[in-house]
Amino acid sequence: MKIAILSQDSSLYSTRRLKEAGEQLGHEMRVVDYLRCYMNITAHKPTVVYQGKPLEDCDAIIPRIGASQTFYGTAVVRQFEVMGVFS
């Protein structure tokens, strides 16, 4: 599976361990800074864009949303759910 970890800081211990554990199980893991994502909500096909490219190939996401960024972080999670991505 292709799994994205939504986290502001890829150097956090918990984020690194999640990534390592997923890779040990054979998953393709990626850390995505959800604050650098933007969402296209007006298109016929909803998308999340990260670093100028749509994130369309994710099978699942693991949200690691900080308390100070809950509103935007949950909006990104909801957008992935609308796209049919497991969370």
N, C-alpha and C. Protein backbone atom coordinates (compact mmCIF):
# COMPACT_ATOMS: atom_id res chain seq x y z
N MET A 1 0.83 -1.19 0.00
CA MET A 1 0.00 0.00 0.00
C MET A 1 0.87 1.25 0.00
N LYS A 2 0.34 2.31 -0.54
CA LYS A 2 1.00 3.62 -0.50
C LYS A 2 0.32 4.43 0.60
N ILE A 3 1.08 4.74 1.64
CA ILE A 3 0.53 5.40 2.82
C ILE A 3 1.25 6.72 3.04
N ALA A 4 0.48 7.78 3.26
CA ALA A 4 1.04 9.10 3.57
C ALA A 4 0.80 9.40 5.05
N ILE A 5 1.83 9.85 5.72
CA ILE A 5 1.72 10.30 7.11
C ILE A 5 1.61 11.81 7.06
N LEU A 6 0.50 12.35 7.53
CA LEU A 6 0.30 13.80 7.54
C LEU A 6 0.90 14.35 8.82
N SER A 7 2.05 14.99 8.71
CA SER A 7 2.77 15.49 9.88
C SER A 7 3.54 16.75 9.49
N GLN A 8 3.60 17.72 10.40
CA GLN A 8 4.36 18.94 10.13
C GLN A 8 5.86 18.70 10.16
N ASP A 9 6.31 17.73 10.95
CA ASP A 9 7.74 17.56 11.18
C ASP A 9 8.13 16.09 11.00
N SER A 10 8.83 15.80 9.91
CA SER A 10 9.22 14.42 9.63
C SER A 10 10.31 13.92 10.57
N SER A 11 10.92 14.82 11.35
CA SER A 11 11.99 14.39 12.25
C SER A 11 11.47 13.97 13.63
N LEU A 12 10.18 14.13 13.89
CA LEU A 12 9.63 13.70 15.17
C LEU A 12 9.78 12.19 15.32
N TYR A 13 10.07 11.75 16.53
CA TYR A 13 10.28 10.32 16.78
C TYR A 13 9.07 9.50 16.36
N SER A 14 7.87 9.92 16.75
CA SER A 14 6.67 9.14 16.44
C SER A 14 6.45 9.04 14.93
N THR A 15 6.72 10.10 14.22
CA THR A 15 6.55 10.09 12.76
C THR A 15 7.59 9.17 12.11
N ARG A 16 8.83 9.27 12.57
CA ARG A 16 9.88 8.39 12.03
C ARG A 16 9.57 6.93 12.28
N ARG A 17 9.08 6.60 13.49
CA ARG A 17 8.78 5.21 13.83
C ARG A 17 7.61 4.67 13.00
N LEU A 18 6.59 5.49 12.79
CA LEU A 18 5.48 5.07 11.94
C LEU A 18 5.97 4.77 10.52
N LYS A 19 6.82 5.63 10.01
CA LYS A 19 7.37 5.43 8.67
C LYS A 19 8.21 4.16 8.61
N GLU A 20 9.08 3.97 9.58
CA GLU A 20 9.92 2.76 9.62
C GLU A 20 9.08 1.50 9.73
N ALA A 21 8.09 1.51 10.61
CA ALA A 21 7.25 0.32 10.81
C ALA A 21 6.48 -0.02 9.54
N GLY A 22 5.96 0.98 8.87
CA GLY A 22 5.24 0.73 7.62
C GLY A 22 6.15 0.16 6.55
N GLU A 23 7.36 0.70 6.45
CA GLU A 23 8.32 0.20 5.46
C GLU A 23 8.74 -1.23 5.77
N GLN A 24 8.87 -1.57 7.05
CA GLN A 24 9.22 -2.94 7.43
C GLN A 24 8.13 -3.92 7.03
N LEU A 25 6.90 -3.44 6.99
CA LEU A 25 5.77 -4.29 6.59
C LEU A 25 5.57 -4.30 5.07
N GLY A 26 6.43 -3.60 4.34
CA GLY A 26 6.37 -3.63 2.89
C GLY A 26 5.54 -2.52 2.26
N HIS A 27 5.12 -1.54 3.04
CA HIS A 27 4.33 -0.44 2.50
C HIS A 27 5.26 0.66 2.00
N GLU A 28 4.77 1.41 1.03
CA GLU A 28 5.49 2.59 0.54
C GLU A 28 5.02 3.78 1.37
N MET A 29 5.90 4.27 2.24
CA MET A 29 5.54 5.33 3.19
C MET A 29 6.08 6.67 2.73
N ARG A 30 5.32 7.72 3.05
CA ARG A 30 5.71 9.08 2.68
C ARG A 30 5.21 10.04 3.75
N VAL A 31 6.05 10.98 4.16
CA VAL A 31 5.64 12.00 5.12
C VAL A 31 5.26 13.25 4.34
N VAL A 32 4.05 13.76 4.60
CA VAL A 32 3.53 14.92 3.90
C VAL A 32 3.21 16.00 4.93
N ASP A 33 3.77 17.19 4.75
CA ASP A 33 3.46 18.32 5.62
C ASP A 33 2.10 18.86 5.19
N TYR A 34 1.08 18.60 5.98
CA TYR A 34 -0.29 18.97 5.60
C TYR A 34 -0.48 20.48 5.50
N LEU A 35 0.37 21.28 6.14
CA LEU A 35 0.25 22.73 6.02
C LEU A 35 0.75 23.24 4.67
N ARG A 36 1.45 22.39 3.94
CA ARG A 36 1.93 22.76 2.60
C ARG A 36 1.04 22.16 1.51
N CYS A 37 -0.08 21.61 1.91
CA CYS A 37 -1.05 21.07 0.96
C CYS A 37 -2.11 22.12 0.68
N TYR A 38 -2.65 22.09 -0.51
CA TYR A 38 -3.86 22.86 -0.75
C TYR A 38 -4.85 21.96 -1.47
N MET A 39 -6.11 22.32 -1.35
CA MET A 39 -7.19 21.46 -1.81
C MET A 39 -7.95 22.12 -2.94
N ASN A 40 -8.30 21.34 -3.94
CA ASN A 40 -9.17 21.81 -5.01
C ASN A 40 -10.55 21.24 -4.72
N ILE A 41 -11.43 22.09 -4.24
CA ILE A 41 -12.77 21.62 -3.86
C ILE A 41 -13.82 21.97 -4.90
N THR A 42 -13.44 22.68 -5.94
CA THR A 42 -14.42 23.10 -6.94
C THR A 42 -14.44 22.19 -8.16
N ALA A 43 -13.49 21.33 -8.30
CA ALA A 43 -13.41 20.46 -9.48
C ALA A 43 -14.38 19.29 -9.36
N HIS A 44 -14.64 18.67 -10.47
CA HIS A 44 -15.48 17.47 -10.47
C HIS A 44 -14.79 16.33 -9.74
N LYS A 45 -13.47 16.36 -9.78
CA LYS A 45 -12.68 15.35 -9.08
C LYS A 45 -11.89 16.04 -7.98
N PRO A 46 -12.26 15.86 -6.71
CA PRO A 46 -11.54 16.55 -5.63
C PRO A 46 -10.08 16.07 -5.55
N THR A 47 -9.19 17.01 -5.26
CA THR A 47 -7.77 16.67 -5.18
C THR A 47 -7.10 17.41 -4.02
N VAL A 48 -6.00 16.83 -3.57
CA VAL A 48 -5.09 17.49 -2.64
C VAL A 48 -3.77 17.65 -3.38
N VAL A 49 -3.23 18.86 -3.38
CA VAL A 49 -1.99 19.15 -4.10
C VAL A 49 -0.89 19.41 -3.08
N TYR A 50 0.26 18.76 -3.31
CA TYR A 50 1.42 18.91 -2.43
C TYR A 50 2.65 19.10 -3.30
N GLN A 51 3.40 20.14 -3.05
CA GLN A 51 4.60 20.47 -3.82
C GLN A 51 4.28 20.58 -5.31
N GLY A 52 3.12 21.15 -5.62
CA GLY A 52 2.72 21.39 -6.99
C GLY A 52 2.17 20.19 -7.74
N LYS A 53 2.07 19.04 -7.08
CA LYS A 53 1.58 17.83 -7.74
C LYS A 53 0.41 17.24 -6.97
N PRO A 54 -0.60 16.73 -7.67
CA PRO A 54 -1.73 16.11 -6.97
C PRO A 54 -1.31 14.83 -6.25
N LEU A 55 -1.82 14.65 -5.04
CA LEU A 55 -1.58 13.41 -4.29
C LEU A 55 -2.74 12.45 -4.60
N GLU A 56 -2.63 11.76 -5.70
CA GLU A 56 -3.71 10.89 -6.15
C GLU A 56 -3.42 9.41 -5.93
N ASP A 57 -2.21 9.08 -5.58
CA ASP A 57 -1.84 7.67 -5.53
C ASP A 57 -1.82 7.09 -4.12
N CYS A 58 -2.35 7.81 -3.14
CA CYS A 58 -2.36 7.31 -1.76
C CYS A 58 -3.50 6.32 -1.55
N ASP A 59 -3.19 5.21 -0.90
CA ASP A 59 -4.23 4.25 -0.51
C ASP A 59 -4.78 4.57 0.87
N ALA A 60 -3.95 5.15 1.72
CA ALA A 60 -4.36 5.47 3.10
C ALA A 60 -3.51 6.62 3.62
N ILE A 61 -4.05 7.29 4.65
CA ILE A 61 -3.29 8.34 5.33
C ILE A 61 -3.31 8.07 6.82
N ILE A 62 -2.26 8.53 7.48
CA ILE A 62 -2.18 8.48 8.94
C ILE A 62 -2.06 9.93 9.41
N PRO A 63 -3.14 10.51 9.94
CA PRO A 63 -3.07 11.90 10.38
C PRO A 63 -2.29 12.05 11.69
N ARG A 64 -1.36 12.99 11.71
CA ARG A 64 -0.61 13.36 12.92
C ARG A 64 -0.74 14.87 13.03
N ILE A 65 -1.95 15.31 13.36
CA ILE A 65 -2.30 16.73 13.33
C ILE A 65 -2.01 17.36 14.68
N GLY A 66 -1.24 18.44 14.67
CA GLY A 66 -0.93 19.17 15.89
C GLY A 66 -2.15 19.94 16.40
N ALA A 67 -2.23 20.12 17.71
CA ALA A 67 -3.38 20.78 18.32
C ALA A 67 -3.57 22.21 17.81
N SER A 68 -2.49 22.89 17.51
CA SER A 68 -2.62 24.28 17.07
C SER A 68 -3.09 24.40 15.62
N GLN A 69 -3.06 23.30 14.87
CA GLN A 69 -3.45 23.32 13.46
C GLN A 69 -4.62 22.40 13.18
N THR A 70 -5.45 22.15 14.18
CA THR A 70 -6.53 21.18 14.05
C THR A 70 -7.50 21.52 12.93
N PHE A 71 -7.91 22.77 12.82
CA PHE A 71 -8.93 23.14 11.83
C PHE A 71 -8.47 22.83 10.41
N TYR A 72 -7.29 23.30 10.02
CA TYR A 72 -6.82 23.05 8.66
C TYR A 72 -6.45 21.58 8.47
N GLY A 73 -5.84 20.99 9.48
CA GLY A 73 -5.46 19.58 9.38
C GLY A 73 -6.64 18.67 9.15
N THR A 74 -7.73 18.90 9.87
CA THR A 74 -8.91 18.06 9.68
C THR A 74 -9.57 18.32 8.33
N ALA A 75 -9.45 19.54 7.82
CA ALA A 75 -9.98 19.82 6.48
C ALA A 75 -9.23 19.01 5.42
N VAL A 76 -7.91 18.89 5.58
CA VAL A 76 -7.11 18.09 4.65
C VAL A 76 -7.51 16.61 4.77
N VAL A 77 -7.69 16.13 5.99
CA VAL A 77 -8.11 14.73 6.20
C VAL A 77 -9.47 14.50 5.54
N ARG A 78 -10.41 15.41 5.73
CA ARG A 78 -11.74 15.27 5.11
C ARG A 78 -11.64 15.24 3.59
N GLN A 79 -10.76 16.05 3.03
CA GLN A 79 -10.60 16.05 1.57
C GLN A 79 -10.10 14.69 1.09
N PHE A 80 -9.14 14.10 1.79
CA PHE A 80 -8.68 12.76 1.42
C PHE A 80 -9.82 11.75 1.52
N GLU A 81 -10.65 11.86 2.56
CA GLU A 81 -11.77 10.94 2.72
C GLU A 81 -12.76 11.08 1.56
N VAL A 82 -13.02 12.30 1.11
CA VAL A 82 -13.90 12.53 -0.04
C VAL A 82 -13.31 11.87 -1.29
N MET A 83 -11.99 11.83 -1.36
CA MET A 83 -11.31 11.20 -2.50
C MET A 83 -11.31 9.68 -2.41
N GLY A 84 -11.83 9.12 -1.30
CA GLY A 84 -11.88 7.67 -1.14
C GLY A 84 -10.65 7.07 -0.50
N VAL A 85 -9.82 7.90 0.12
CA VAL A 85 -8.60 7.42 0.78
C VAL A 85 -8.93 7.06 2.22
N PHE A 86 -8.47 5.91 2.68
CA PHE A 86 -8.71 5.48 4.06
C PHE A 86 -7.91 6.35 5.03
N SER A 87 -8.51 6.61 6.20
CA SER A 87 -7.79 7.39 7.22
C SER A 87 -7.93 6.72 8.57
